[in-house]
Amino acid sequence: MTPADWERYLSVALDKRVVVRFSRSRSRPVEMVGTRERVNLRLHCFFEQAPAAIREDLVAWLRSGRRARRACERLDAWIDARLADLPPARPRLPRPQTRGEHFDLADLAAPLWETEFADELADPITRPRLSWGRRGRVRARHSLQLGSYSPDDHLVRIHRVLDAPWVPDWFIRFLLFHELLHAAVPCPILPDGRRLHHGPEFRARENAHPDSGRARIWQRENLPRLIRTARLRRS
């Protein structure tokens, strides 16, 4: 079941709106924040293969908490078995850094939580983390990855070359918007099993952003300077 499938299933079962996001967190394979009207639920991606009985046990836990003792025991056992089957965890990544020399990514992203992602990523617990990328020289001559989203780490990284006084803040905010779309919009799966990272919904929402056009122009006109700056390790 995809996150969208889980949302439909749980919304009917609980008779309230449920927003589901997949993660790869081993320490918190199930995480829930709820109100009377809405439940925000983060599930480890192995819940994509959860059998019907486990889906029912999850519903029982969401309804009654630990009072649903048998359901919780079965759910805990199933989760423990899935965690045991996972490959060894990767080394812990450096702590995300939002504050740069000239820009703070947290400040730039603040309006996005209240506007473009008010429905999907408004919850501080389940939204992606933000960080400037690591320092260091790059060897690229013709291209440069200015941002990325890692679903495994639930982390958006922005290249440090953009932390410069000559870079407009609206461009960095648009880049954050682009990368956060990857977290908010499910990737369609093609017939051959590959994921389409920029599907129709993604493109439609990106093109509808008021800064979409001028961001593409600014990046095209300034990419050579950004590449030179990154290669020289200076801003």
C-alpha atoms as a PDB file:
ATOM      1  CA  MET A   1       0.000   0.000   0.000  1.00  0.00           C
ATOM      2  CA  THR A   2       1.264   3.430  -0.938  1.00  0.00           C
ATOM      3  CA  PRO A   3       0.908   6.415   1.420  1.00  0.00           C
ATOM      4  CA  ALA A   4      -2.180   7.438  -0.570  1.00  0.00           C
ATOM      5  CA  ASP A   5      -3.664   3.944  -0.124  1.00  0.00           C
ATOM      6  CA  TRP A   6      -3.003   4.127   3.613  1.00  0.00           C
ATOM      7  CA  GLU A   7      -4.630   7.558   3.799  1.00  0.00           C
ATOM      8  CA  ARG A   8      -7.821   6.297   2.165  1.00  0.00           C
ATOM      9  CA  TYR A   9      -7.914   3.141   4.280  1.00  0.00           C
ATOM     10  CA  LEU A  10      -7.271   4.861   7.606  1.00  0.00           C
ATOM     11  CA  SER A  11      -9.519   7.846   6.889  1.00  0.00           C
ATOM     12  CA  VAL A  12     -12.444   5.490   6.402  1.00  0.00           C
ATOM     13  CA  ALA A  13     -11.542   3.311   9.391  1.00  0.00           C
ATOM     14  CA  LEU A  14     -11.087   6.258  11.771  1.00  0.00           C
ATOM     15  CA  ASP A  15     -13.725   8.538  10.261  1.00  0.00           C
ATOM     16  CA  LYS A  16     -11.340  11.496  10.148  1.00  0.00           C
ATOM     17  CA  ARG A  17      -8.699  12.860   7.820  1.00  0.00           C
ATOM     18  CA  VAL A  18      -5.417  10.958   7.950  1.00  0.00           C
ATOM     19  CA  VAL A  19      -2.178  12.152   6.318  1.00  0.00           C
ATOM     20  CA  VAL A  20       0.452   9.438   5.868  1.00  0.00           C
ATOM     21  CA  ARG A  21       4.146   9.788   5.044  1.00  0.00           C
ATOM     22  CA  PHE A  22       6.677   6.996   4.684  1.00  0.00           C
ATOM     23  CA  SER A  23      10.111   7.240   6.281  1.00  0.00           C
ATOM     24  CA  ARG A  24      13.067   4.980   7.026  1.00  0.00           C
ATOM     25  CA  SER A  25      13.367   5.832  10.695  1.00  0.00           C
ATOM     26  CA  ARG A  26      14.370   2.759  12.706  1.00  0.00           C
ATOM     27  CA  SER A  27      14.005   4.462  16.064  1.00  0.00           C
ATOM     28  CA  ARG A  28      10.438   5.611  15.293  1.00  0.00           C
ATOM     29  CA  PRO A  29       8.925   3.241  12.725  1.00  0.00           C
ATOM     30  CA  VAL A  30       5.453   4.518  13.694  1.00  0.00           C
ATOM     31  CA  GLU A  31       4.882   8.112  14.758  1.00  0.00           C
ATOM     32  CA  MET A  32       1.510   9.797  15.164  1.00  0.00           C
ATOM     33  CA  VAL A  33       0.281  13.277  16.004  1.00  0.00           C
ATOM     34  CA  GLY A  34      -3.489  13.631  16.090  1.00  0.00           C
ATOM     35  CA  THR A  35      -6.318  16.012  16.749  1.00  0.00           C
ATOM     36  CA  ARG A  36     -10.068  15.520  16.702  1.00  0.00           C
ATOM     37  CA  GLU A  37     -10.197  16.386  13.018  1.00  0.00           C
ATOM     38  CA  ARG A  38      -6.889  15.067  11.651  1.00  0.00           C
ATOM     39  CA  VAL A  39      -4.157  12.490  12.183  1.00  0.00           C
ATOM     40  CA  ASN A  40      -0.601  12.954  10.883  1.00  0.00           C
ATOM     41  CA  LEU A  41       1.051   9.563  10.682  1.00  0.00           C
ATOM     42  CA  ARG A  42       4.587   8.644   9.711  1.00  0.00           C
ATOM     43  CA  LEU A  43       5.214   4.977   8.940  1.00  0.00           C
ATOM     44  CA  HIS A  44       8.373   3.128   8.072  1.00  0.00           C
ATOM     45  CA  CYS A  45       8.332   2.253   4.390  1.00  0.00           C
ATOM     46  CA  PHE A  46       8.098  -1.479   5.177  1.00  0.00           C
ATOM     47  CA  PHE A  47       4.438  -0.768   5.984  1.00  0.00           C
ATOM     48  CA  GLU A  48       3.974  -0.723   2.213  1.00  0.00           C
ATOM     49  CA  GLN A  49       3.915  -4.540   2.488  1.00  0.00           C
ATOM     50  CA  ALA A  50       1.837  -4.800   5.672  1.00  0.00           C
ATOM     51  CA  PRO A  51      -0.728  -7.639   5.534  1.00  0.00           C
ATOM     52  CA  ALA A  52      -4.407  -7.059   6.236  1.00  0.00           C
ATOM     53  CA  ALA A  53      -4.161  -8.282   9.848  1.00  0.00           C
ATOM     54  CA  ILE A  54      -1.414  -5.758  10.641  1.00  0.00           C
ATOM     55  CA  ARG A  55      -3.402  -2.989   9.011  1.00  0.00           C
ATOM     56  CA  GLU A  56      -6.299  -3.846  11.325  1.00  0.00           C
ATOM     57  CA  ASP A  57      -3.981  -3.909  14.350  1.00  0.00           C
ATOM     58  CA  LEU A  58      -2.657  -0.465  13.419  1.00  0.00           C
ATOM     59  CA  VAL A  59      -6.214   0.838  13.278  1.00  0.00           C
ATOM     60  CA  ALA A  60      -6.898  -0.641  16.711  1.00  0.00           C
ATOM     61  CA  TRP A  61      -3.814   1.064  18.130  1.00  0.00           C
ATOM     62  CA  LEU A  62      -4.782   4.410  16.568  1.00  0.00           C
ATOM     63  CA  ARG A  63      -8.252   4.108  18.087  1.00  0.00           C
ATOM     64  CA  SER A  64      -7.431   2.820  21.541  1.00  0.00           C
ATOM     65  CA  GLY A  65      -3.699   3.102  22.106  1.00  0.00           C
ATOM     66  CA  ARG A  66      -2.158   0.536  24.464  1.00  0.00           C
ATOM     67  CA  ARG A  67      -5.617  -0.440  25.655  1.00  0.00           C
ATOM     68  CA  ALA A  68      -5.784  -2.576  22.498  1.00  0.00           C
ATOM     69  CA  ARG A  69      -3.273  -4.901  24.140  1.00  0.00           C
ATOM     70  CA  ARG A  70      -3.369  -7.887  21.793  1.00  0.00           C
ATOM     71  CA  ALA A  71      -3.337  -5.743  18.679  1.00  0.00           C
ATOM     72  CA  CYS A  72      -0.355  -3.836  20.044  1.00  0.00           C
ATOM     73  CA  GLU A  73       1.507  -7.052  20.841  1.00  0.00           C
ATOM     74  CA  ARG A  74       1.013  -8.357  17.297  1.00  0.00           C
ATOM     75  CA  LEU A  75       1.922  -4.980  15.803  1.00  0.00           C
ATOM     76  CA  ASP A  76       5.071  -4.690  17.929  1.00  0.00           C
ATOM     77  CA  ALA A  77       6.163  -8.211  17.005  1.00  0.00           C
ATOM     78  CA  TRP A  78       5.636  -7.569  13.304  1.00  0.00           C
ATOM     79  CA  ILE A  79       7.582  -4.287  13.473  1.00  0.00           C
ATOM     80  CA  ASP A  80      10.441  -5.929  15.409  1.00  0.00           C
ATOM     81  CA  ALA A  81      10.665  -8.677  12.785  1.00  0.00           C
ATOM     82  CA  ARG A  82      10.748  -6.153   9.936  1.00  0.00           C
ATOM     83  CA  LEU A  83      13.437  -4.100  11.688  1.00  0.00           C
ATOM     84  CA  ALA A  84      15.518  -7.231  12.208  1.00  0.00           C
ATOM     85  CA  ASP A  85      15.336  -7.959   8.467  1.00  0.00           C
ATOM     86  CA  LEU A  86      16.690  -4.542   7.502  1.00  0.00           C
ATOM     87  CA  PRO A  87      20.329  -4.211   6.418  1.00  0.00           C
ATOM     88  CA  PRO A  88      22.742  -2.566   8.868  1.00  0.00           C
ATOM     89  CA  ALA A  89      22.109   1.114   9.406  1.00  0.00           C
ATOM     90  CA  ARG A  90      24.351   3.577   7.635  1.00  0.00           C
ATOM     91  CA  PRO A  91      26.725   5.767   9.666  1.00  0.00           C
ATOM     92  CA  ARG A  92      24.978   8.677  11.344  1.00  0.00           C
ATOM     93  CA  LEU A  93      25.024  11.826   9.235  1.00  0.00           C
ATOM     94  CA  PRO A  94      26.215  15.208  10.528  1.00  0.00           C
ATOM     95  CA  ARG A  95      23.555  17.265  12.232  1.00  0.00           C
ATOM     96  CA  PRO A  96      21.631  19.432   9.753  1.00  0.00           C
ATOM     97  CA  GLN A  97      22.709  23.075   9.663  1.00  0.00           C
ATOM     98  CA  THR A  98      20.116  25.602   8.583  1.00  0.00           C
ATOM     99  CA  ARG A  99      22.067  28.746   9.467  1.00  0.00           C
ATOM    100  CA  GLY A 100      24.636  29.894   6.941  1.00  0.00           C
ATOM    101  CA  GLU A 101      26.807  32.990   6.758  1.00  0.00           C
ATOM    102  CA  HIS A 102      24.172  34.997   4.898  1.00  0.00           C
ATOM    103  CA  PHE A 103      20.923  32.977   4.921  1.00  0.00           C
ATOM    104  CA  ASP A 104      19.035  30.803   7.375  1.00  0.00           C
ATOM    105  CA  LEU A 105      17.144  28.054   5.563  1.00  0.00           C
ATOM    106  CA  ALA A 106      14.656  27.781   8.424  1.00  0.00           C
ATOM    107  CA  ASP A 107      13.685  31.426   7.977  1.00  0.00           C
ATOM    108  CA  LEU A 108      13.437  31.089   4.206  1.00  0.00           C
ATOM    109  CA  ALA A 109      11.262  27.975   4.470  1.00  0.00           C
ATOM    110  CA  ALA A 110       8.938  29.389   7.133  1.00  0.00           C
ATOM    111  CA  PRO A 111       6.407  30.844   4.644  1.00  0.00           C
ATOM    112  CA  LEU A 112       6.294  27.555   2.731  1.00  0.00           C
ATOM    113  CA  TRP A 113       4.925  25.643   5.730  1.00  0.00           C
ATOM    114  CA  GLU A 114       1.991  28.046   5.935  1.00  0.00           C
ATOM    115  CA  THR A 115       1.246  28.325   2.201  1.00  0.00           C
ATOM    116  CA  GLU A 116       2.351  25.759  -0.391  1.00  0.00           C
ATOM    117  CA  PHE A 117       2.685  22.904   2.135  1.00  0.00           C
ATOM    118  CA  ALA A 118       0.043  23.849   4.684  1.00  0.00           C
ATOM    119  CA  ASP A 119      -1.718  20.517   4.127  1.00  0.00           C
ATOM    120  CA  GLU A 120       1.116  18.054   3.562  1.00  0.00           C
ATOM    121  CA  LEU A 121       4.141  19.277   5.526  1.00  0.00           C
ATOM    122  CA  ALA A 122       2.784  21.668   8.147  1.00  0.00           C
ATOM    123  CA  ASP A 123       3.511  19.340  11.085  1.00  0.00           C
ATOM    124  CA  PRO A 124       7.025  20.105  12.462  1.00  0.00           C
ATOM    125  CA  ILE A 125       7.413  16.496  13.615  1.00  0.00           C
ATOM    126  CA  THR A 126       6.946  14.868  10.223  1.00  0.00           C
ATOM    127  CA  ARG A 127       8.210  17.543   7.831  1.00  0.00           C
ATOM    128  CA  PRO A 128      11.642  17.096   6.188  1.00  0.00           C
ATOM    129  CA  ARG A 129      14.725  18.533   7.809  1.00  0.00           C
ATOM    130  CA  LEU A 130      16.701  21.257   6.058  1.00  0.00           C
ATOM    131  CA  SER A 131      20.450  21.717   5.842  1.00  0.00           C
ATOM    132  CA  TRP A 132      23.174  23.444   3.941  1.00  0.00           C
ATOM    133  CA  GLY A 133      25.440  20.935   2.212  1.00  0.00           C
ATOM    134  CA  ARG A 134      28.932  20.085   3.276  1.00  0.00           C
ATOM    135  CA  ARG A 135      31.804  22.418   2.527  1.00  0.00           C
ATOM    136  CA  GLY A 136      34.372  21.444  -0.038  1.00  0.00           C
ATOM    137  CA  ARG A 137      35.570  22.018  -3.571  1.00  0.00           C
ATOM    138  CA  VAL A 138      33.673  20.504  -6.482  1.00  0.00           C
ATOM    139  CA  ARG A 139      35.086  19.434  -9.822  1.00  0.00           C
ATOM    140  CA  ALA A 140      32.017  20.056 -11.966  1.00  0.00           C
ATOM    141  CA  ARG A 141      32.626  22.152 -15.067  1.00  0.00           C
ATOM    142  CA  HIS A 142      29.236  22.253 -16.775  1.00  0.00           C
ATOM    143  CA  SER A 143      26.626  21.396 -14.139  1.00  0.00           C
ATOM    144  CA  LEU A 144      26.022  21.736 -10.427  1.00  0.00           C
ATOM    145  CA  GLN A 145      23.384  20.120  -8.202  1.00  0.00           C
ATOM    146  CA  LEU A 146      22.043  23.053  -6.215  1.00  0.00           C
ATOM    147  CA  GLY A 147      19.591  21.068  -4.088  1.00  0.00           C
ATOM    148  CA  SER A 148      18.502  17.543  -3.255  1.00  0.00           C
ATOM    149  CA  TYR A 149      15.952  15.606  -1.244  1.00  0.00           C
ATOM    150  CA  SER A 150      16.884  12.287   0.363  1.00  0.00           C
ATOM    151  CA  PRO A 151      13.817  10.186   1.252  1.00  0.00           C
ATOM    152  CA  ASP A 152      16.043   7.833   3.261  1.00  0.00           C
ATOM    153  CA  ASP A 153      17.152  10.671   5.542  1.00  0.00           C
ATOM    154  CA  HIS A 154      14.009  12.810   5.040  1.00  0.00           C
ATOM    155  CA  LEU A 155      16.439  15.663   4.446  1.00  0.00           C
ATOM    156  CA  VAL A 156      16.622  18.572   2.003  1.00  0.00           C
ATOM    157  CA  ARG A 157      20.142  19.839   1.277  1.00  0.00           C
ATOM    158  CA  ILE A 158      20.991  23.120  -0.413  1.00  0.00           C
ATOM    159  CA  HIS A 159      24.435  23.707  -1.940  1.00  0.00           C
ATOM    160  CA  ARG A 160      26.522  26.106   0.146  1.00  0.00           C
ATOM    161  CA  VAL A 161      27.532  28.036  -2.955  1.00  0.00           C
ATOM    162  CA  LEU A 162      24.106  29.717  -2.699  1.00  0.00           C
ATOM    163  CA  ASP A 163      24.902  31.097   0.762  1.00  0.00           C
ATOM    164  CA  ALA A 164      26.258  34.302  -0.746  1.00  0.00           C
ATOM    165  CA  PRO A 165      25.106  37.932  -0.583  1.00  0.00           C
ATOM    166  CA  TRP A 166      24.686  38.193  -4.354  1.00  0.00           C
ATOM    167  CA  VAL A 167      22.192  35.278  -4.468  1.00  0.00           C
ATOM    168  CA  PRO A 168      18.553  36.469  -4.115  1.00  0.00           C
ATOM    169  CA  ASP A 169      16.659  35.015  -1.187  1.00  0.00           C
ATOM    170  CA  TRP A 170      13.613  34.304  -3.378  1.00  0.00           C
ATOM    171  CA  PHE A 171      15.711  31.945  -5.523  1.00  0.00           C
ATOM    172  CA  ILE A 172      16.809  29.881  -2.510  1.00  0.00           C
ATOM    173  CA  ARG A 173      13.213  29.797  -1.288  1.00  0.00           C
ATOM    174  CA  PHE A 174      12.055  28.513  -4.672  1.00  0.00           C
ATOM    175  CA  LEU A 175      14.771  25.854  -4.617  1.00  0.00           C
ATOM    176  CA  LEU A 176      13.552  24.780  -1.166  1.00  0.00           C
ATOM    177  CA  PHE A 177      10.028  24.642  -2.592  1.00  0.00           C
ATOM    178  CA  HIS A 178      11.227  22.423  -5.448  1.00  0.00           C
ATOM    179  CA  GLU A 179      13.008  19.971  -3.151  1.00  0.00           C
ATOM    180  CA  LEU A 180      10.158  19.886  -0.633  1.00  0.00           C
ATOM    181  CA  LEU A 181       7.790  18.982  -3.466  1.00  0.00           C
ATOM    182  CA  HIS A 182       9.695  15.718  -3.718  1.00  0.00           C
ATOM    183  CA  ALA A 183       8.669  14.986  -0.127  1.00  0.00           C
ATOM    184  CA  ALA A 184       5.087  16.131  -0.602  1.00  0.00           C
ATOM    185  CA  VAL A 185       4.209  14.596  -3.993  1.00  0.00           C
ATOM    186  CA  PRO A 186       4.361  10.783  -4.373  1.00  0.00           C
ATOM    187  CA  CYS A 187       6.494   9.549  -7.262  1.00  0.00           C
ATOM    188  CA  PRO A 188       4.439   7.695  -9.889  1.00  0.00           C
ATOM    189  CA  ILE A 189       5.756   4.197 -10.591  1.00  0.00           C
ATOM    190  CA  LEU A 190       6.335   3.406 -14.275  1.00  0.00           C
ATOM    191  CA  PRO A 191       5.424   0.030 -15.819  1.00  0.00           C
ATOM    192  CA  ASP A 192       9.087  -1.034 -15.677  1.00  0.00           C
ATOM    193  CA  GLY A 193       9.228  -0.355 -11.928  1.00  0.00           C
ATOM    194  CA  ARG A 194      11.177   2.898 -12.073  1.00  0.00           C
ATOM    195  CA  ARG A 195       9.955   5.948 -10.169  1.00  0.00           C
ATOM    196  CA  LEU A 196       9.105   9.129 -12.079  1.00  0.00           C
ATOM    197  CA  HIS A 197      10.588  11.834  -9.867  1.00  0.00           C
ATOM    198  CA  HIS A 198       9.044  14.721 -11.811  1.00  0.00           C
ATOM    199  CA  GLY A 199       5.580  13.458 -12.617  1.00  0.00           C
ATOM    200  CA  PRO A 200       2.596  15.431 -13.920  1.00  0.00           C
ATOM    201  CA  GLU A 201       1.429  16.576 -10.467  1.00  0.00           C
ATOM    202  CA  PHE A 202       4.956  17.641  -9.539  1.00  0.00           C
ATOM    203  CA  ARG A 203       5.415  19.631 -12.750  1.00  0.00           C
ATOM    204  CA  ALA A 204       1.989  21.257 -12.473  1.00  0.00           C
ATOM    205  CA  ARG A 205       2.614  22.480  -8.928  1.00  0.00           C
ATOM    206  CA  GLU A 206       6.132  23.638  -9.733  1.00  0.00           C
ATOM    207  CA  ASN A 207       5.004  25.560 -12.827  1.00  0.00           C
ATOM    208  CA  ALA A 208       2.186  27.186 -10.848  1.00  0.00           C
ATOM    209  CA  HIS A 209       4.631  28.750  -8.392  1.00  0.00           C
ATOM    210  CA  PRO A 210       4.915  32.521  -9.016  1.00  0.00           C
ATOM    211  CA  ASP A 211       8.745  32.393  -9.020  1.00  0.00           C
ATOM    212  CA  SER A 212       9.034  29.396 -11.333  1.00  0.00           C
ATOM    213  CA  GLY A 213       9.808  31.311 -14.510  1.00  0.00           C
ATOM    214  CA  ARG A 214      12.263  33.830 -13.111  1.00  0.00           C
ATOM    215  CA  ALA A 215      14.016  31.117 -11.059  1.00  0.00           C
ATOM    216  CA  ARG A 216      14.806  29.148 -14.228  1.00  0.00           C
ATOM    217  CA  ILE A 217      16.082  32.290 -15.924  1.00  0.00           C
ATOM    218  CA  TRP A 218      18.204  33.315 -12.920  1.00  0.00           C
ATOM    219  CA  GLN A 219      19.730  29.837 -12.628  1.00  0.00           C
ATOM    220  CA  ARG A 220      20.529  29.658 -16.345  1.00  0.00           C
ATOM    221  CA  GLU A 221      22.175  33.101 -16.341  1.00  0.00           C
ATOM    222  CA  ASN A 222      24.141  32.569 -13.124  1.00  0.00           C
ATOM    223  CA  LEU A 223      25.081  28.887 -13.307  1.00  0.00           C
ATOM    224  CA  PRO A 224      28.564  29.579 -14.759  1.00  0.00           C
ATOM    225  CA  ARG A 225      29.340  31.912 -11.853  1.00  0.00           C
ATOM    226  CA  LEU A 226      28.006  29.383  -9.337  1.00  0.00           C
ATOM    227  CA  ILE A 227      30.181  26.646 -10.831  1.00  0.00           C
ATOM    228  CA  ARG A 228      33.288  28.843 -10.765  1.00  0.00           C
ATOM    229  CA  THR A 229      32.571  29.803  -7.163  1.00  0.00           C
ATOM    230  CA  ALA A 230      32.074  26.191  -6.090  1.00  0.00           C
ATOM    231  CA  ARG A 231      35.294  25.098  -7.812  1.00  0.00           C
ATOM    232  CA  LEU A 232      37.259  27.840  -6.068  1.00  0.00           C
ATOM    233  CA  ARG A 233      35.596  27.166  -2.698  1.00  0.00           C
ATOM    234  CA  ARG A 234      34.756  30.810  -2.173  1.00  0.00           C
ATOM    235  CA  SER A 235      31.591  32.890  -2.123  1.00  0.00           C
END
